[in-house]
Amino acid sequence: MRGTAEEKVLVAAAAQFAKAKSVPLTKMSWALAAVMNMPENNVLHRLREASESIQADQSLEGLRKQLEDEAESDVLVSEDLEKKLGEVVMVEVLSVRTYGAICKVDGTTRTLLMHLSEVADAFIDDIGDYVAVGDRFPAMLIVNAKGQLGLSARRIGSLEKKTDAEKQYADFHAEEQNL
């Protein structure tokens, strides 16, 4: 879970309450967003993370202990990514779309978009020529045109276009995983 200790306890308690009383997390996020002064989608994401790791009948003391243990084991807190703009992180491609690649940042639960324009300096007709699901490479943390956190491989040295053999190999393994 991300955020300050108080936010973690609040979110975890709300997730525990929602689980115990069968309240949808979406409804819980509406109320909690106002209290935390955060966008509702961010609160909903935190609630979902919290609800995966807690039990409905867990005591408050057990919840605090679990949160402390998680805080000690976090490698890189997702909130810290905003503070690391311009730094290079390792990413893994989770999904390839026509507009870019969805990548998981190592050491976090965070997924970010690497827009097509941030893959390489050259004109890209097919992003599949550059990246495939499962590829790992370094990327720079940036703020995109919409003011959102994103990734760029172009700014630290463009990704190279894959040869036909590399592309066939990646396609083969992607199909193999889907079976």
Protein backbone atom coordinates (compact mmCIF):
# COMPACT_ATOMS: atom_id res chain seq x y z
CA MET A 1 0.00 0.00 0.00
CA ARG A 2 1.09 3.56 -0.68
CA GLY A 3 0.84 6.86 1.18
CA THR A 4 1.51 8.13 4.67
CA ALA A 5 0.95 5.91 7.71
CA GLU A 6 -2.35 7.68 8.48
CA GLU A 7 -3.58 7.25 4.90
CA LYS A 8 -2.65 3.57 4.95
CA VAL A 9 -4.58 2.95 8.15
CA LEU A 10 -7.59 4.90 6.84
CA VAL A 11 -7.63 3.06 3.52
CA ALA A 12 -7.07 -0.33 5.16
CA ALA A 13 -9.85 0.30 7.69
CA ALA A 14 -12.20 1.38 4.90
CA ALA A 15 -11.32 -1.71 2.85
CA GLN A 16 -11.86 -3.92 5.90
CA PHE A 17 -15.24 -2.27 6.59
CA ALA A 18 -16.28 -2.64 2.95
CA LYS A 19 -15.33 -6.31 2.98
CA ALA A 20 -17.12 -7.01 6.29
CA LYS A 21 -20.33 -5.15 5.33
CA SER A 22 -20.28 -6.08 1.61
CA VAL A 23 -20.11 -2.44 0.55
CA PRO A 24 -18.80 -2.02 -3.04
CA LEU A 25 -15.33 -0.47 -3.12
CA THR A 26 -16.54 2.06 -5.69
CA LYS A 27 -19.04 3.47 -3.17
CA MET A 28 -16.44 3.46 -0.43
CA SER A 29 -14.02 5.34 -2.70
CA TRP A 30 -16.55 8.15 -3.26
CA ALA A 31 -16.70 8.96 0.43
CA LEU A 32 -13.03 8.38 1.10
CA ALA A 33 -11.94 10.60 -1.82
CA ALA A 34 -13.59 13.58 -0.16
CA VAL A 35 -12.00 12.83 3.22
CA MET A 36 -8.52 12.29 1.77
CA ASN A 37 -8.82 15.14 -0.75
CA MET A 38 -7.67 12.85 -3.56
CA PRO A 39 -9.07 11.84 -6.95
CA GLU A 40 -11.59 9.03 -6.63
CA ASN A 41 -9.71 6.72 -9.03
CA ASN A 42 -6.55 6.94 -6.88
CA VAL A 43 -8.54 6.10 -3.75
CA LEU A 44 -10.27 3.20 -5.51
CA HIS A 45 -6.89 1.81 -6.60
CA ARG A 46 -5.60 2.02 -3.02
CA LEU A 47 -8.76 0.38 -1.69
CA ARG A 48 -8.38 -2.50 -4.13
CA GLU A 49 -4.74 -2.99 -3.12
CA ALA A 50 -5.71 -2.96 0.55
CA SER A 51 -8.68 -5.31 0.17
CA GLU A 52 -6.45 -7.96 -1.42
CA SER A 53 -4.21 -8.12 1.64
CA ILE A 54 -6.63 -7.88 4.60
CA GLN A 55 -9.26 -10.11 6.11
CA ALA A 56 -12.75 -8.89 7.05
CA ASP A 57 -12.41 -10.15 10.65
CA GLN A 58 -8.86 -8.87 11.21
CA SER A 59 -8.33 -6.85 14.40
CA LEU A 60 -7.19 -3.23 14.25
CA GLU A 61 -3.94 -4.17 16.01
CA GLY A 62 -3.34 -6.99 13.51
CA LEU A 63 -4.01 -4.54 10.69
CA ARG A 64 -1.46 -2.05 12.06
CA LYS A 65 1.14 -4.83 12.43
CA GLN A 66 0.52 -5.97 8.84
CA LEU A 67 0.91 -2.39 7.55
CA GLU A 68 4.17 -1.96 9.47
CA ASP A 69 5.51 -5.23 8.03
CA GLU A 70 4.54 -4.18 4.50
CA ALA A 71 6.19 -0.78 4.96
CA GLU A 72 9.46 -2.45 5.92
CA SER A 73 9.36 -4.80 2.94
CA ASP A 74 8.54 -2.19 0.25
CA VAL A 75 11.40 -1.86 -2.22
CA LEU A 76 10.18 1.32 -3.87
CA VAL A 77 6.93 2.96 -2.88
CA SER A 78 4.83 3.89 -5.90
CA GLU A 79 4.29 7.40 -4.57
CA ASP A 80 8.05 7.91 -4.76
CA LEU A 81 7.95 7.59 -8.55
CA GLU A 82 6.67 11.16 -8.82
CA LYS A 83 9.73 12.27 -6.86
CA LYS A 84 12.04 10.35 -9.19
CA LEU A 85 11.19 12.18 -12.43
CA GLY A 86 14.08 12.00 -14.86
CA GLU A 87 15.53 8.87 -13.29
CA VAL A 88 15.99 5.63 -15.17
CA VAL A 89 14.07 2.55 -13.97
CA MET A 90 13.79 -1.01 -15.24
CA VAL A 91 10.42 -1.87 -16.78
CA GLU A 92 8.70 -4.94 -18.16
CA VAL A 93 6.18 -4.74 -21.00
CA LEU A 94 2.79 -6.12 -19.90
CA SER A 95 0.73 -5.16 -22.92
CA VAL A 96 1.30 -3.68 -26.36
CA ARG A 97 -1.34 -1.39 -27.85
CA THR A 98 -1.43 0.64 -31.05
CA TYR A 99 -0.77 3.84 -29.08
CA GLY A 100 2.04 2.53 -26.86
CA ALA A 101 3.17 -0.09 -24.36
CA ILE A 102 1.84 -0.64 -20.85
CA CYS A 103 4.86 -1.35 -18.64
CA LYS A 104 5.30 -2.46 -15.03
CA VAL A 105 7.97 -0.57 -13.13
CA ASP A 106 10.29 -2.97 -11.26
CA GLY A 107 10.00 -2.85 -7.49
CA THR A 108 6.50 -1.33 -7.53
CA THR A 109 2.95 -2.33 -8.29
CA ARG A 110 2.73 0.61 -10.67
CA THR A 111 2.04 0.31 -14.40
CA LEU A 112 2.75 3.23 -16.71
CA LEU A 113 2.27 4.01 -20.37
CA MET A 114 5.16 4.43 -22.74
CA HIS A 115 3.54 6.34 -25.57
CA LEU A 116 4.44 5.43 -29.13
CA SER A 117 6.27 8.76 -29.54
CA GLU A 118 8.55 7.91 -26.58
CA VAL A 119 9.76 4.54 -27.93
CA ALA A 120 12.19 5.66 -30.64
CA ASP A 121 13.30 8.70 -32.61
CA ALA A 122 12.27 7.10 -35.91
CA PHE A 123 8.74 7.02 -37.32
CA ILE A 124 7.00 3.95 -35.89
CA ASP A 125 4.51 2.23 -38.11
CA ASP A 126 4.08 -0.82 -35.84
CA ILE A 127 5.11 -0.68 -32.18
CA GLY A 128 5.40 -4.47 -32.26
CA ASP A 129 8.58 -3.95 -34.29
CA TYR A 130 10.18 -2.44 -31.16
CA VAL A 131 8.62 -4.06 -28.09
CA ALA A 132 6.82 -7.27 -27.16
CA VAL A 133 5.10 -8.56 -24.04
CA GLY A 134 7.74 -9.67 -21.55
CA ASP A 135 10.52 -7.41 -22.85
CA ARG A 136 12.61 -5.78 -20.10
CA PHE A 137 14.57 -2.59 -20.64
CA PRO A 138 15.51 0.68 -18.92
CA ALA A 139 13.21 3.69 -19.32
CA MET A 140 13.13 7.24 -17.99
CA LEU A 141 10.30 8.48 -15.78
CA ILE A 142 8.70 11.52 -17.44
CA VAL A 143 5.59 13.68 -17.31
CA ASN A 144 3.62 13.36 -20.54
CA ALA A 145 1.69 16.07 -22.38
CA LYS A 146 -1.40 15.43 -20.22
CA GLY A 147 0.60 15.97 -17.02
CA GLN A 148 0.61 12.26 -16.17
CA LEU A 149 3.55 10.13 -15.13
CA GLY A 150 4.87 8.12 -18.08
CA LEU A 151 7.92 6.38 -19.50
CA SER A 152 10.39 7.14 -22.26
CA ALA A 153 13.01 4.92 -23.85
CA ARG A 154 13.68 7.51 -26.56
CA ARG A 155 15.13 10.07 -24.13
CA ILE A 156 17.82 7.68 -22.90
CA GLY A 157 18.57 6.12 -26.27
CA SER A 158 15.95 4.75 -28.62
CA LEU A 159 14.93 1.13 -28.60
CA GLU A 160 16.19 -0.69 -31.65
CA LYS A 161 13.85 -2.10 -34.23
CA LYS A 162 13.68 -5.87 -33.87
CA THR A 163 14.74 -8.13 -36.70
CA ASP A 164 12.19 -10.45 -38.25
CA ALA A 165 13.68 -13.40 -36.37
CA GLU A 166 13.40 -11.61 -33.01
CA LYS A 167 9.82 -10.61 -33.77
CA GLN A 168 8.85 -14.17 -34.74
CA TYR A 169 10.48 -15.48 -31.55
CA ALA A 170 8.53 -12.97 -29.42
CA ASP A 171 5.27 -13.77 -31.23
CA PHE A 172 5.85 -17.49 -30.71
CA HIS A 173 6.36 -17.09 -26.96
CA ALA A 174 3.36 -14.77 -26.65
CA GLU A 175 1.16 -17.40 -28.32
CA GLU A 176 2.68 -20.11 -26.13
CA GLN A 177 1.72 -18.20 -22.97
CA ASN A 178 -1.86 -17.81 -24.20
CA LEU A 179 -2.32 -21.59 -24.61
